[in-house]
Full PDB file with SEQRES, HELIX, SHEET, SSBOND, CRYST1, ORIGX, SCALE, CONECT and MASTER records, all heavy atoms in Angstrom:
SEQRES   1 A   35  PRO MET ALA ALA VAL ALA ARG ARG THR GLY PHE GLY SER          
SEQRES   2 A   35  PRO GLU SER LEU ARG ARG ALA SER THR ARG ASN LEU GLY          
SEQRES   3 A   35  ILE THR PRO GLY ALA TYR ARG ALA ARG                          
HELIX    1 AA1 MET A    2  ARG A    8  1                                   7    
HELIX    2 AA2 PRO A   14  LEU A   25  1                                  12    
HELIX    3 AA3 PRO A   29  ALA A   34  1                                   6    
CRYST1    1.000    1.000    1.000  90.00  90.00  90.00 P 1           1          
ORIGX1      1.000000  0.000000  0.000000        0.00000                         
ORIGX2      0.000000  1.000000  0.000000        0.00000                         
ORIGX3      0.000000  0.000000  1.000000        0.00000                         
SCALE1      1.000000  0.000000  0.000000        0.00000                         
SCALE2      0.000000  1.000000  0.000000        0.00000                         
SCALE3      0.000000  0.000000  1.000000        0.00000                         
ATOM      1  N   PRO A   1       0.410   6.838  -8.476  1.00  0.00           N  
ATOM      2  CA  PRO A   1       1.279   5.749  -8.309  1.00  0.00           C  
ATOM      3  C   PRO A   1       1.430   5.249  -6.843  1.00  0.00           C  
ATOM      4  O   PRO A   1       1.214   6.045  -5.938  1.00  0.00           O  
ATOM      5  CB  PRO A   1       2.579   6.286  -8.810  1.00  0.00           C  
ATOM      6  CG  PRO A   1       2.331   7.575  -9.501  1.00  0.00           C  
ATOM      7  CD  PRO A   1       1.090   8.014  -8.918  1.00  0.00           C  
ATOM      8  N   MET A   2       1.728   4.104  -6.630  1.00  0.00           N  
ATOM      9  CA  MET A   2       1.833   3.545  -5.241  1.00  0.00           C  
ATOM     10  C   MET A   2       2.892   4.343  -4.433  1.00  0.00           C  
ATOM     11  O   MET A   2       2.725   4.532  -3.322  1.00  0.00           O  
ATOM     12  CB  MET A   2       2.296   2.052  -5.303  1.00  0.00           C  
ATOM     13  CG  MET A   2       1.229   1.112  -5.839  1.00  0.00           C  
ATOM     14  SD  MET A   2      -0.301   1.252  -4.776  1.00  0.00           S  
ATOM     15  CE  MET A   2      -1.461   0.438  -5.895  1.00  0.00           C  
ATOM     16  N   ALA A   3       3.955   4.767  -5.118  1.00  0.00           N  
ATOM     17  CA  ALA A   3       5.003   5.477  -4.287  1.00  0.00           C  
ATOM     18  C   ALA A   3       4.397   6.792  -3.801  1.00  0.00           C  
ATOM     19  O   ALA A   3       4.655   7.206  -2.721  1.00  0.00           O  
ATOM     20  CB  ALA A   3       6.144   5.871  -5.293  1.00  0.00           C  
ATOM     21  N   ALA A   4       3.531   7.512  -4.522  1.00  0.00           N  
ATOM     22  CA  ALA A   4       2.874   8.651  -4.182  1.00  0.00           C  
ATOM     23  C   ALA A   4       1.783   8.496  -3.083  1.00  0.00           C  
ATOM     24  O   ALA A   4       1.793   9.091  -2.006  1.00  0.00           O  
ATOM     25  CB  ALA A   4       2.076   9.395  -5.299  1.00  0.00           C  
ATOM     26  N   VAL A   5       1.116   7.270  -3.197  1.00  0.00           N  
ATOM     27  CA  VAL A   5       0.096   6.961  -2.199  1.00  0.00           C  
ATOM     28  C   VAL A   5       0.878   6.711  -0.806  1.00  0.00           C  
ATOM     29  O   VAL A   5       0.507   7.161   0.204  1.00  0.00           O  
ATOM     30  CB  VAL A   5      -0.693   5.692  -2.534  1.00  0.00           C  
ATOM     31  CG1 VAL A   5      -1.637   5.287  -1.381  1.00  0.00           C  
ATOM     32  CG2 VAL A   5      -1.606   6.024  -3.766  1.00  0.00           C  
ATOM     33  N   ALA A   6       2.036   5.969  -0.920  1.00  0.00           N  
ATOM     34  CA  ALA A   6       2.714   5.589   0.164  1.00  0.00           C  
ATOM     35  C   ALA A   6       3.291   6.820   0.934  1.00  0.00           C  
ATOM     36  O   ALA A   6       3.192   7.063   2.208  1.00  0.00           O  
ATOM     37  CB  ALA A   6       3.817   4.664  -0.112  1.00  0.00           C  
ATOM     38  N   ARG A   7       3.890   7.700   0.148  1.00  0.00           N  
ATOM     39  CA  ARG A   7       4.464   8.965   0.656  1.00  0.00           C  
ATOM     40  C   ARG A   7       3.404   9.823   1.275  1.00  0.00           C  
ATOM     41  O   ARG A   7       3.589  10.334   2.417  1.00  0.00           O  
ATOM     42  CB  ARG A   7       5.220   9.638  -0.365  1.00  0.00           C  
ATOM     43  CG  ARG A   7       5.938  10.894   0.007  1.00  0.00           C  
ATOM     44  CD  ARG A   7       6.736  11.471  -1.147  1.00  0.00           C  
ATOM     45  NE  ARG A   7       5.906  11.898  -2.291  1.00  0.00           N  
ATOM     46  CZ  ARG A   7       5.856  11.258  -3.406  1.00  0.00           C  
ATOM     47  NH1 ARG A   7       6.588  10.199  -3.722  1.00  0.00           N  
ATOM     48  NH2 ARG A   7       4.996  11.709  -4.361  1.00  0.00           N  
ATOM     49  N   ARG A   8       2.314  10.094   0.680  1.00  0.00           N  
ATOM     50  CA  ARG A   8       1.211  10.927   1.134  1.00  0.00           C  
ATOM     51  C   ARG A   8       0.494  10.448   2.363  1.00  0.00           C  
ATOM     52  O   ARG A   8      -0.164  11.245   3.048  1.00  0.00           O  
ATOM     53  CB  ARG A   8       0.271  11.235  -0.050  1.00  0.00           C  
ATOM     54  CG  ARG A   8       0.891  12.130  -1.152  1.00  0.00           C  
ATOM     55  CD  ARG A   8      -0.093  12.277  -2.163  1.00  0.00           C  
ATOM     56  NE  ARG A   8       0.585  13.024  -3.336  1.00  0.00           N  
ATOM     57  CZ  ARG A   8       0.162  12.927  -4.535  1.00  0.00           C  
ATOM     58  NH1 ARG A   8      -0.894  12.279  -4.839  1.00  0.00           N  
ATOM     59  NH2 ARG A   8       0.853  13.604  -5.532  1.00  0.00           N  
ATOM     60  N   THR A   9       0.564   9.135   2.579  1.00  0.00           N  
ATOM     61  CA  THR A   9      -0.184   8.618   3.662  1.00  0.00           C  
ATOM     62  C   THR A   9       0.782   8.212   4.811  1.00  0.00           C  
ATOM     63  O   THR A   9       0.367   7.653   5.869  1.00  0.00           O  
ATOM     64  CB  THR A   9      -0.990   7.314   3.199  1.00  0.00           C  
ATOM     65  OG1 THR A   9      -0.132   6.360   2.745  1.00  0.00           O  
ATOM     66  CG2 THR A   9      -2.140   7.757   2.328  1.00  0.00           C  
ATOM     67  N   GLY A  10       2.033   8.590   4.735  1.00  0.00           N  
ATOM     68  CA  GLY A  10       2.967   8.408   5.748  1.00  0.00           C  
ATOM     69  C   GLY A  10       3.676   7.030   5.897  1.00  0.00           C  
ATOM     70  O   GLY A  10       4.516   6.729   6.792  1.00  0.00           O  
ATOM     71  N   PHE A  11       3.529   6.198   4.880  1.00  0.00           N  
ATOM     72  CA  PHE A  11       4.265   4.959   4.916  1.00  0.00           C  
ATOM     73  C   PHE A  11       5.653   5.067   4.343  1.00  0.00           C  
ATOM     74  O   PHE A  11       6.450   4.262   4.628  1.00  0.00           O  
ATOM     75  CB  PHE A  11       3.430   3.890   3.999  1.00  0.00           C  
ATOM     76  CG  PHE A  11       2.197   3.325   4.773  1.00  0.00           C  
ATOM     77  CD1 PHE A  11       0.832   3.773   4.417  1.00  0.00           C  
ATOM     78  CD2 PHE A  11       2.392   2.588   5.793  1.00  0.00           C  
ATOM     79  CE1 PHE A  11      -0.119   3.284   5.032  1.00  0.00           C  
ATOM     80  CE2 PHE A  11       1.278   2.015   6.573  1.00  0.00           C  
ATOM     81  CZ  PHE A  11       0.014   2.410   6.154  1.00  0.00           C  
ATOM     82  N   GLY A  12       5.943   6.071   3.489  1.00  0.00           N  
ATOM     83  CA  GLY A  12       7.208   6.415   3.071  1.00  0.00           C  
ATOM     84  C   GLY A  12       7.740   5.606   1.889  1.00  0.00           C  
ATOM     85  O   GLY A  12       8.367   6.083   0.996  1.00  0.00           O  
ATOM     86  N   SER A  13       7.301   4.492   1.794  1.00  0.00           N  
ATOM     87  CA  SER A  13       7.719   3.489   0.494  1.00  0.00           C  
ATOM     88  C   SER A  13       6.625   2.664   0.069  1.00  0.00           C  
ATOM     89  O   SER A  13       5.893   2.256   1.042  1.00  0.00           O  
ATOM     90  CB  SER A  13       9.063   2.773   0.834  1.00  0.00           C  
ATOM     91  OG  SER A  13       8.792   1.680   1.696  1.00  0.00           O  
ATOM     92  N   PRO A  14       6.585   2.293  -1.166  1.00  0.00           N  
ATOM     93  CA  PRO A  14       5.629   1.364  -1.650  1.00  0.00           C  
ATOM     94  C   PRO A  14       5.774  -0.006  -0.808  1.00  0.00           C  
ATOM     95  O   PRO A  14       4.743  -0.691  -0.603  1.00  0.00           O  
ATOM     96  CB  PRO A  14       5.904   1.063  -3.063  1.00  0.00           C  
ATOM     97  CG  PRO A  14       6.544   2.387  -3.571  1.00  0.00           C  
ATOM     98  CD  PRO A  14       7.361   2.785  -2.253  1.00  0.00           C  
ATOM     99  N   GLU A  15       6.968  -0.498  -0.446  1.00  0.00           N  
ATOM    100  CA  GLU A  15       7.193  -1.597   0.285  1.00  0.00           C  
ATOM    101  C   GLU A  15       6.561  -1.591   1.563  1.00  0.00           C  
ATOM    102  O   GLU A  15       5.807  -2.617   2.086  1.00  0.00           O  
ATOM    103  CB  GLU A  15       8.620  -1.944   0.343  1.00  0.00           C  
ATOM    104  CG  GLU A  15       8.915  -3.285   1.168  1.00  0.00           C  
ATOM    105  CD  GLU A  15       8.360  -4.691   0.544  1.00  0.00           C  
ATOM    106  OE1 GLU A  15       8.068  -4.496  -0.649  1.00  0.00           O  
ATOM    107  OE2 GLU A  15       8.092  -5.449   1.263  1.00  0.00           O  
ATOM    108  N   SER A  16       6.633  -0.539   2.349  1.00  0.00           N  
ATOM    109  CA  SER A  16       6.048  -0.361   3.635  1.00  0.00           C  
ATOM    110  C   SER A  16       4.485  -0.425   3.517  1.00  0.00           C  
ATOM    111  O   SER A  16       3.791  -0.935   4.289  1.00  0.00           O  
ATOM    112  CB  SER A  16       6.351   0.874   4.368  1.00  0.00           C  
ATOM    113  OG  SER A  16       7.779   0.968   4.576  1.00  0.00           O  
ATOM    114  N   LEU A  17       3.892   0.226   2.495  1.00  0.00           N  
ATOM    115  CA  LEU A  17       2.589   0.264   2.177  1.00  0.00           C  
ATOM    116  C   LEU A  17       2.036  -1.188   1.840  1.00  0.00           C  
ATOM    117  O   LEU A  17       1.002  -1.589   2.412  1.00  0.00           O  
ATOM    118  CB  LEU A  17       2.237   1.217   1.015  1.00  0.00           C  
ATOM    119  CG  LEU A  17       0.807   1.130   0.476  1.00  0.00           C  
ATOM    120  CD1 LEU A  17      -0.213   1.588   1.660  1.00  0.00           C  
ATOM    121  CD2 LEU A  17       0.590   2.094  -0.648  1.00  0.00           C  
ATOM    122  N   ARG A  18       2.847  -1.961   1.042  1.00  0.00           N  
ATOM    123  CA  ARG A  18       2.477  -3.275   0.725  1.00  0.00           C  
ATOM    124  C   ARG A  18       2.382  -4.117   2.026  1.00  0.00           C  
ATOM    125  O   ARG A  18       1.484  -4.928   2.184  1.00  0.00           O  
ATOM    126  CB  ARG A  18       3.513  -3.848  -0.262  1.00  0.00           C  
ATOM    127  CG  ARG A  18       3.006  -5.229  -0.799  1.00  0.00           C  
ATOM    128  CD  ARG A  18       4.104  -5.948  -1.563  1.00  0.00           C  
ATOM    129  NE  ARG A  18       5.228  -6.206  -0.816  1.00  0.00           N  
ATOM    130  CZ  ARG A  18       5.326  -7.247   0.075  1.00  0.00           C  
ATOM    131  NH1 ARG A  18       4.211  -7.997   0.368  1.00  0.00           N  
ATOM    132  NH2 ARG A  18       6.322  -7.448   0.871  1.00  0.00           N  
ATOM    133  N   ARG A  19       3.403  -4.085   2.865  1.00  0.00           N  
ATOM    134  CA  ARG A  19       3.444  -4.843   4.016  1.00  0.00           C  
ATOM    135  C   ARG A  19       2.293  -4.525   5.022  1.00  0.00           C  
ATOM    136  O   ARG A  19       1.576  -5.460   5.506  1.00  0.00           O  
ATOM    137  CB  ARG A  19       4.703  -4.704   4.758  1.00  0.00           C  
ATOM    138  CG  ARG A  19       5.895  -5.423   4.204  1.00  0.00           C  
ATOM    139  CD  ARG A  19       7.147  -5.469   5.106  1.00  0.00           C  
ATOM    140  NE  ARG A  19       7.537  -4.201   5.681  1.00  0.00           N  
ATOM    141  CZ  ARG A  19       8.504  -3.400   5.123  1.00  0.00           C  
ATOM    142  NH1 ARG A  19       9.079  -3.837   4.056  1.00  0.00           N  
ATOM    143  NH2 ARG A  19       8.820  -2.327   5.674  1.00  0.00           N  
ATOM    144  N   ALA A  20       1.949  -3.213   5.118  1.00  0.00           N  
ATOM    145  CA  ALA A  20       0.852  -2.857   6.074  1.00  0.00           C  
ATOM    146  C   ALA A  20      -0.427  -3.357   5.362  1.00  0.00           C  
ATOM    147  O   ALA A  20      -1.369  -3.735   6.110  1.00  0.00           O  
ATOM    148  CB  ALA A  20       0.859  -1.336   6.273  1.00  0.00           C  
ATOM    149  N   SER A  21      -0.606  -3.125   4.171  1.00  0.00           N  
ATOM    150  CA  SER A  21      -1.836  -3.531   3.462  1.00  0.00           C  
ATOM    151  C   SER A  21      -2.113  -5.094   3.563  1.00  0.00           C  
ATOM    152  O   SER A  21      -3.196  -5.547   3.831  1.00  0.00           O  
ATOM    153  CB  SER A  21      -1.771  -3.126   1.966  1.00  0.00           C  
ATOM    154  OG  SER A  21      -3.003  -3.560   1.281  1.00  0.00           O  
ATOM    155  N   THR A  22      -1.014  -5.797   3.398  1.00  0.00           N  
ATOM    156  CA  THR A  22      -1.111  -7.237   3.504  1.00  0.00           C  
ATOM    157  C   THR A  22      -1.442  -7.621   4.914  1.00  0.00           C  
ATOM    158  O   THR A  22      -2.383  -8.556   5.139  1.00  0.00           O  
ATOM    159  CB  THR A  22       0.205  -7.919   3.013  1.00  0.00           C  
ATOM    160  OG1 THR A  22       0.432  -7.564   1.690  1.00  0.00           O  
ATOM    161  CG2 THR A  22      -0.024  -9.450   3.072  1.00  0.00           C  
ATOM    162  N   ARG A  23      -0.917  -7.005   5.820  1.00  0.00           N  
ATOM    163  CA  ARG A  23      -1.155  -7.317   7.252  1.00  0.00           C  
ATOM    164  C   ARG A  23      -2.582  -6.862   7.700  1.00  0.00           C  
ATOM    165  O   ARG A  23      -3.231  -7.651   8.448  1.00  0.00           O  
ATOM    166  CB  ARG A  23      -0.139  -6.534   8.116  1.00  0.00           C  
ATOM    167  CG  ARG A  23      -0.183  -6.749   9.613  1.00  0.00           C  
ATOM    168  CD  ARG A  23       1.004  -6.130  10.431  1.00  0.00           C  
ATOM    169  NE  ARG A  23       1.355  -4.761  10.024  1.00  0.00           N  
ATOM    170  CZ  ARG A  23       2.484  -4.415   9.393  1.00  0.00           C  
ATOM    171  NH1 ARG A  23       3.306  -5.395   8.985  1.00  0.00           N  
ATOM    172  NH2 ARG A  23       2.677  -3.216   9.008  1.00  0.00           N  
ATOM    173  N   ASN A  24      -3.050  -5.701   7.195  1.00  0.00           N  
ATOM    174  CA  ASN A  24      -4.332  -5.227   7.671  1.00  0.00           C  
ATOM    175  C   ASN A  24      -5.464  -5.727   6.806  1.00  0.00           C  
ATOM    176  O   ASN A  24      -6.623  -5.814   7.294  1.00  0.00           O  
ATOM    177  CB  ASN A  24      -4.290  -3.677   7.647  1.00  0.00           C  
ATOM    178  CG  ASN A  24      -3.481  -3.102   8.858  1.00  0.00           C  
ATOM    179  OD1 ASN A  24      -3.817  -3.114   9.977  1.00  0.00           O  
ATOM    180  ND2 ASN A  24      -2.228  -2.717   8.510  1.00  0.00           N  
ATOM    181  N   LEU A  25      -5.305  -5.823   5.525  1.00  0.00           N  
ATOM    182  CA  LEU A  25      -6.390  -6.152   4.636  1.00  0.00           C  
ATOM    183  C   LEU A  25      -6.335  -7.504   4.006  1.00  0.00           C  
ATOM    184  O   LEU A  25      -7.341  -8.019   3.368  1.00  0.00           O  
ATOM    185  CB  LEU A  25      -6.472  -5.093   3.429  1.00  0.00           C  
ATOM    186  CG  LEU A  25      -6.508  -3.626   3.877  1.00  0.00           C  
ATOM    187  CD1 LEU A  25      -6.364  -2.719   2.672  1.00  0.00           C  
ATOM    188  CD2 LEU A  25      -7.725  -3.240   4.650  1.00  0.00           C  
ATOM    189  N   GLY A  26      -5.189  -8.087   4.059  1.00  0.00           N  
ATOM    190  CA  GLY A  26      -4.987  -9.508   3.494  1.00  0.00           C  
ATOM    191  C   GLY A  26      -4.687  -9.467   1.950  1.00  0.00           C  
ATOM    192  O   GLY A  26      -4.669 -10.547   1.388  1.00  0.00           O  
ATOM    193  N   ILE A  27      -4.567  -8.248   1.410  1.00  0.00           N  
ATOM    194  CA  ILE A  27      -4.261  -8.130  -0.013  1.00  0.00           C  
ATOM    195  C   ILE A  27      -3.337  -6.979  -0.295  1.00  0.00           C  
ATOM    196  O   ILE A  27      -3.215  -6.125   0.573  1.00  0.00           O  
ATOM    197  CB  ILE A  27      -5.550  -7.962  -0.929  1.00  0.00           C  
ATOM    198  CG1 ILE A  27      -6.291  -6.704  -0.581  1.00  0.00           C  
ATOM    199  CG2 ILE A  27      -6.443  -9.177  -0.876  1.00  0.00           C  
ATOM    200  CD1 ILE A  27      -7.554  -6.373  -1.360  1.00  0.00           C  
ATOM    201  N   THR A  28      -2.679  -7.049  -1.367  1.00  0.00           N  
ATOM    202  CA  THR A  28      -1.712  -5.993  -1.744  1.00  0.00           C  
ATOM    203  C   THR A  28      -2.412  -4.686  -2.204  1.00  0.00           C  
ATOM    204  O   THR A  28      -3.643  -4.696  -2.422  1.00  0.00           O  
ATOM    205  CB  THR A  28      -0.789  -6.402  -2.895  1.00  0.00           C  
ATOM    206  OG1 THR A  28      -1.669  -6.544  -4.141  1.00  0.00           O  
ATOM    207  CG2 THR A  28      -0.037  -7.534  -2.639  1.00  0.00           C  
ATOM    208  N   PRO A  29      -1.834  -3.492  -2.117  1.00  0.00           N  
ATOM    209  CA  PRO A  29      -2.460  -2.311  -2.499  1.00  0.00           C  
ATOM    210  C   PRO A  29      -3.026  -2.327  -4.017  1.00  0.00           C  
ATOM    211  O   PRO A  29      -4.086  -1.814  -4.290  1.00  0.00           O  
ATOM    212  CB  PRO A  29      -1.409  -1.171  -2.268  1.00  0.00           C  
ATOM    213  CG  PRO A  29      -0.381  -1.792  -1.399  1.00  0.00           C  
ATOM    214  CD  PRO A  29      -0.427  -3.289  -1.585  1.00  0.00           C  
ATOM    215  N   GLY A  30      -2.144  -2.887  -4.843  1.00  0.00           N  
ATOM    216  CA  GLY A  30      -2.568  -3.030  -6.194  1.00  0.00           C  
ATOM    217  C   GLY A  30      -3.875  -3.866  -6.333  1.00  0.00           C  
ATOM    218  O   GLY A  30      -4.811  -3.556  -7.094  1.00  0.00           O  
ATOM    219  N   ALA A  31      -4.030  -5.007  -5.568  1.00  0.00           N  
ATOM    220  CA  ALA A  31      -5.125  -5.759  -5.719  1.00  0.00           C  
ATOM    221  C   ALA A  31      -6.267  -5.085  -5.039  1.00  0.00           C  
ATOM    222  O   ALA A  31      -7.489  -5.209  -5.565  1.00  0.00           O  
ATOM    223  CB  ALA A  31      -4.872  -7.128  -4.925  1.00  0.00           C  
ATOM    224  N   TYR A  32      -6.154  -4.400  -4.009  1.00  0.00           N  
ATOM    225  CA  TYR A  32      -7.154  -3.501  -3.432  1.00  0.00           C  
ATOM    226  C   TYR A  32      -7.747  -2.550  -4.374  1.00  0.00           C  
ATOM    227  O   TYR A  32      -8.977  -2.420  -4.539  1.00  0.00           O  
ATOM    228  CB  TYR A  32      -6.687  -2.799  -2.158  1.00  0.00           C  
ATOM    229  CG  TYR A  32      -7.798  -2.189  -1.442  1.00  0.00           C  
ATOM    230  CD1 TYR A  32      -8.519  -2.696  -0.438  1.00  0.00           C  
ATOM    231  CD2 TYR A  32      -7.998  -0.808  -1.723  1.00  0.00           C  
ATOM    232  CE1 TYR A  32      -9.519  -2.051   0.149  1.00  0.00           C  
ATOM    233  CE2 TYR A  32      -8.979  -0.041  -1.122  1.00  0.00           C  
ATOM    234  CZ  TYR A  32      -9.878  -0.658  -0.155  1.00  0.00           C  
ATOM    235  OH  TYR A  32     -10.796  -0.011   0.416  1.00  0.00           O  
ATOM    236  N   ARG A  33      -6.792  -1.861  -5.050  1.00  0.00           N  
ATOM    237  CA  ARG A  33      -7.167  -0.869  -6.050  1.00  0.00           C  
ATOM    238  C   ARG A  33      -7.991  -1.505  -7.138  1.00  0.00           C  
ATOM    239  O   ARG A  33      -9.088  -0.886  -7.569  1.00  0.00           O  
ATOM    240  CB  ARG A  33      -5.966  -0.146  -6.655  1.00  0.00           C  
ATOM    241  CG  ARG A  33      -6.429   0.889  -7.741  1.00  0.00           C  
ATOM    242  CD  ARG A  33      -5.091   1.636  -8.230  1.00  0.00           C  
ATOM    243  NE  ARG A  33      -5.005   2.804  -7.500  1.00  0.00           N  
ATOM    244  CZ  ARG A  33      -3.912   3.572  -7.466  1.00  0.00           C  
ATOM    245  NH1 ARG A  33      -2.839   3.240  -8.254  1.00  0.00           N  
ATOM    246  NH2 ARG A  33      -3.784   4.610  -6.678  1.00  0.00           N  
ATOM    247  N   ALA A  34      -7.516  -2.574  -7.665  1.00  0.00           N  
ATOM    248  CA  ALA A  34      -8.324  -3.269  -8.686  1.00  0.00           C  
ATOM    249  C   ALA A  34      -9.630  -3.677  -8.359  1.00  0.00           C  
ATOM    250  O   ALA A  34     -10.606  -3.661  -9.146  1.00  0.00           O  
ATOM    251  CB  ALA A  34      -7.458  -4.481  -9.313  1.00  0.00           C  
ATOM    252  N   ARG A  35      -9.780  -4.106  -7.112  1.00  0.00           N  
ATOM    253  CA  ARG A  35     -11.099  -4.613  -6.570  1.00  0.00           C  
ATOM    254  C   ARG A  35     -12.116  -3.496  -6.198  1.00  0.00           C  
ATOM    255  O   ARG A  35     -13.336  -3.602  -6.377  1.00  0.00           O  
ATOM    256  CB  ARG A  35     -10.849  -5.491  -5.359  1.00  0.00           C  
ATOM    257  CG  ARG A  35     -12.055  -6.292  -4.944  1.00  0.00           C  
ATOM    258  CD  ARG A  35     -11.757  -7.280  -3.868  1.00  0.00           C  
ATOM    259  NE  ARG A  35     -10.822  -8.292  -4.252  1.00  0.00           N  
ATOM    260  CZ  ARG A  35     -10.282  -9.167  -3.530  1.00  0.00           C  
ATOM    261  NH1 ARG A  35     -10.609  -9.174  -2.171  1.00  0.00           N  
ATOM    262  NH2 ARG A  35      -9.498 -10.048  -3.933  1.00  0.00           N  
TER     263      ARG A  35                                                      
MASTER        0    0    0    3    0    0    0    6  262    1    0    3          
END                                                                             
């Protein structure tokens, strides 16, 4: 789950992971995973 990915990679929350992903990759983590 996104919460586990965020926690294990040091982002702490799915929202922090989403913001970083959008900033760095231009897409959300869910879209990245699907693609």
